Amino acid sequence: MFDHKLFTSENLYTLWEREKLIFRTKQRHKLSIQQLQWHKWLYSKNVYLHNLPSIIYLPIQSQLFMNKPLWEWQSSFVLEKLALLQIGETINIDSYKRIPKVNTTSEFPLTCNTFNPLYEYMLLLKQLQMFSQQSTITFRKQTEIYFPKTIDEAVIADRHLLHKLKQISMFLPK
């Protein structure tokens, strides 16, 4: 019971690659009301699971402080803000109010609420060289966001992105 094994970043990326594959390909027979609303919202944007950008549904440590699932708030932020930016345009993440964040540590008494999930997500996109950081809350778009056309393209793009993140994390300070 007290055997403590470290969870390596290699393990995380292997598990997350599998999780992303399931996310993309799993048959959804029974959806919760929240999931159904999200799927309807995607369809209203003419986007389907198979052509969501790979930067959606990326793991972040501060997800614990969010009221919405990872895929839901990331897809909202990417489709409503980041994808609409032209290369060279900037975004002030403090101006994006659609992401509900849990602001109290009372729900998580053993943690300290010092993380901002949106900021952490943008730092991840910065590491992927998709955005550059102009200030603490302002980021400039460097590259277009890729929307795969087929499920095969999406799976390959997911694998490529997670491999890139794994390579980056090897060189980041622990």
Protein backbone atom coordinates (compact mmCIF):
# COMPACT_ATOMS: atom_id res chain seq x y z
CA MET A 1 0.00 0.00 0.00
CA PHE A 2 2.83 2.40 0.74
CA ASP A 3 4.95 1.44 -2.22
CA HIS A 4 5.67 4.80 -3.82
CA LYS A 5 6.58 4.80 -7.49
CA LEU A 6 7.28 7.99 -9.36
CA PHE A 7 5.13 8.78 -12.34
CA THR A 8 7.55 9.85 -15.05
CA SER A 9 6.79 12.28 -17.84
CA GLU A 10 7.47 9.39 -20.23
CA ASN A 11 4.59 7.50 -18.59
CA LEU A 12 2.37 10.58 -18.78
CA TYR A 13 2.88 11.07 -22.50
CA THR A 14 2.40 7.37 -23.26
CA LEU A 15 -0.86 7.33 -21.30
CA TRP A 16 -2.00 10.64 -22.77
CA GLU A 17 -1.36 9.44 -26.31
CA ARG A 18 -3.62 6.47 -25.59
CA GLU A 19 -6.19 8.77 -23.96
CA LYS A 20 -6.21 11.10 -27.00
CA LEU A 21 -6.73 8.11 -29.31
CA ILE A 22 -9.71 6.97 -27.22
CA PHE A 23 -11.03 10.55 -27.15
CA ARG A 24 -10.90 10.73 -30.96
CA THR A 25 -12.20 7.27 -31.81
CA LYS A 26 -14.48 6.06 -29.00
CA GLN A 27 -18.10 5.34 -29.93
CA ARG A 28 -20.33 7.56 -27.82
CA HIS A 29 -23.62 5.82 -27.15
CA LYS A 30 -24.80 7.63 -24.06
CA LEU A 31 -23.75 11.21 -23.54
CA SER A 32 -24.31 13.22 -20.40
CA ILE A 33 -26.27 16.45 -20.79
CA GLN A 34 -23.01 18.41 -20.58
CA GLN A 35 -21.33 16.25 -23.23
CA LEU A 36 -24.37 16.49 -25.50
CA GLN A 37 -24.37 20.28 -25.19
CA TRP A 38 -20.67 20.36 -26.03
CA HIS A 39 -21.18 18.16 -29.12
CA LYS A 40 -24.05 20.38 -30.28
CA TRP A 41 -21.86 23.44 -29.74
CA LEU A 42 -19.09 21.83 -31.83
CA TYR A 43 -21.54 21.06 -34.63
CA SER A 44 -22.77 24.66 -34.53
CA LYS A 45 -19.15 25.66 -35.25
CA ASN A 46 -18.96 23.08 -38.11
CA VAL A 47 -16.32 21.16 -36.19
CA TYR A 48 -16.37 17.48 -35.32
CA LEU A 49 -14.28 15.43 -32.93
CA HIS A 50 -12.11 14.06 -35.72
CA ASN A 51 -11.07 17.53 -36.90
CA LEU A 52 -10.43 19.22 -33.57
CA PRO A 53 -6.91 20.60 -33.47
CA SER A 54 -4.39 18.48 -31.56
CA ILE A 55 -3.82 21.36 -29.14
CA ILE A 56 -7.24 20.62 -27.67
CA TYR A 57 -7.34 18.15 -24.79
CA LEU A 58 -3.79 18.68 -23.58
CA PRO A 59 -2.99 17.80 -19.97
CA ILE A 60 -2.27 20.64 -17.58
CA GLN A 61 -1.54 20.42 -13.87
CA SER A 62 -4.06 23.05 -12.81
CA GLN A 63 -7.01 21.31 -14.50
CA LEU A 64 -7.98 20.33 -10.98
CA PHE A 65 -9.14 23.92 -10.44
CA MET A 66 -11.52 23.93 -13.41
CA ASN A 67 -15.28 23.44 -13.34
CA LYS A 68 -15.37 22.15 -16.91
CA PRO A 69 -13.67 19.16 -18.55
CA LEU A 70 -10.34 19.78 -20.23
CA TRP A 71 -11.64 19.24 -23.77
CA GLU A 72 -14.57 21.57 -23.23
CA TRP A 73 -12.82 24.72 -22.05
CA GLN A 74 -9.80 24.20 -24.33
CA SER A 75 -12.00 23.75 -27.41
CA SER A 76 -14.01 26.84 -26.46
CA PHE A 77 -10.85 28.92 -26.05
CA VAL A 78 -9.21 27.64 -29.23
CA LEU A 79 -12.27 27.87 -31.50
CA GLU A 80 -13.61 31.18 -30.18
CA LYS A 81 -10.32 33.03 -29.68
CA LEU A 82 -7.05 31.46 -30.79
CA ALA A 83 -8.15 30.11 -34.19
CA LEU A 84 -9.66 33.49 -35.09
CA LEU A 85 -6.41 35.37 -34.52
CA GLN A 86 -4.23 36.20 -37.51
CA ILE A 87 -0.52 35.41 -37.29
CA GLY A 88 1.11 38.30 -35.44
CA GLU A 89 -2.03 39.29 -33.53
CA THR A 90 -2.01 39.19 -29.75
CA ILE A 91 -4.41 37.97 -27.11
CA ASN A 92 -4.76 39.17 -23.54
CA ILE A 93 -5.79 36.08 -21.58
CA ASP A 94 -7.27 38.15 -18.75
CA SER A 95 -9.95 39.36 -21.16
CA TYR A 96 -11.23 35.83 -21.78
CA LYS A 97 -13.95 35.32 -19.17
CA ARG A 98 -15.75 32.28 -20.60
CA ILE A 99 -13.59 29.76 -18.72
CA PRO A 100 -15.00 29.14 -15.24
CA LYS A 101 -12.19 28.68 -12.76
CA VAL A 102 -12.54 27.42 -9.22
CA ASN A 103 -11.20 30.34 -7.20
CA THR A 104 -11.15 28.88 -3.73
CA THR A 105 -8.75 26.47 -2.16
CA SER A 106 -11.44 25.41 0.33
CA GLU A 107 -12.54 22.71 -2.11
CA PHE A 108 -8.93 21.51 -2.34
CA PRO A 109 -7.48 22.11 1.14
CA LEU A 110 -4.23 20.24 0.49
CA THR A 111 -3.37 22.27 -2.57
CA CYS A 112 -2.47 25.85 -3.10
CA ASN A 113 -4.37 27.70 -5.82
CA THR A 114 -1.42 29.43 -7.43
CA PHE A 115 -1.99 28.11 -10.93
CA ASN A 116 -4.01 29.75 -13.63
CA PRO A 117 -5.14 26.99 -16.04
CA LEU A 118 -5.45 29.35 -19.01
CA TYR A 119 -1.98 30.79 -18.39
CA GLU A 120 -0.54 27.29 -18.01
CA TYR A 121 -2.21 26.27 -21.28
CA MET A 122 -0.76 29.30 -23.09
CA LEU A 123 2.69 28.46 -21.73
CA LEU A 124 2.29 25.01 -23.22
CA LEU A 125 1.40 26.56 -26.60
CA LYS A 126 4.42 28.84 -26.20
CA GLN A 127 6.66 25.78 -25.67
CA LEU A 128 5.21 24.38 -28.90
CA GLN A 129 6.25 27.67 -30.57
CA MET A 130 2.68 28.43 -31.60
CA PHE A 131 2.61 31.61 -29.49
CA SER A 132 5.26 33.91 -28.07
CA GLN A 133 4.84 35.64 -24.75
CA GLN A 134 4.73 39.43 -24.87
CA SER A 135 3.91 40.04 -21.20
CA THR A 136 2.56 38.08 -18.27
CA ILE A 137 -0.93 38.00 -19.81
CA THR A 138 -0.35 38.77 -23.49
CA PHE A 139 0.65 36.25 -26.16
CA ARG A 140 1.33 36.69 -29.90
CA LYS A 141 0.24 34.08 -32.44
CA GLN A 142 3.20 32.61 -34.36
CA THR A 143 1.63 29.83 -36.45
CA GLU A 144 -1.75 28.79 -37.80
CA ILE A 145 -3.76 26.22 -35.89
CA TYR A 146 -4.04 22.99 -37.86
CA PHE A 147 -7.49 21.39 -38.24
CA PRO A 148 -7.13 17.80 -39.49
CA LYS A 149 -9.53 16.72 -42.23
CA THR A 150 -9.74 13.00 -41.42
CA ILE A 151 -9.49 10.83 -38.32
CA ASP A 152 -6.20 9.39 -39.62
CA GLU A 153 -4.72 12.89 -39.99
CA ALA A 154 -5.93 13.74 -36.48
CA VAL A 155 -4.36 10.66 -34.89
CA ILE A 156 -1.04 11.33 -36.64
CA ALA A 157 -1.17 15.01 -35.61
CA ASP A 158 -1.94 14.05 -31.99
CA ARG A 159 0.97 11.60 -31.93
CA HIS A 160 3.31 14.19 -33.45
CA LEU A 161 2.26 16.90 -30.98
CA LEU A 162 2.62 14.65 -27.94
CA HIS A 163 6.03 13.48 -29.17
CA LYS A 164 7.07 17.12 -29.50
CA LEU A 165 5.81 17.87 -25.97
CA LYS A 166 7.71 14.86 -24.64
CA GLN A 167 10.91 16.13 -26.29
CA ILE A 168 10.38 19.62 -24.86
CA SER A 169 9.69 18.33 -21.35
CA MET A 170 13.01 16.44 -21.35
CA PHE A 171 14.82 19.78 -21.51
CA LEU A 172 12.63 21.77 -19.11
CA PRO A 173 13.81 22.36 -15.55
CA LYS A 174 12.17 20.00 -13.07
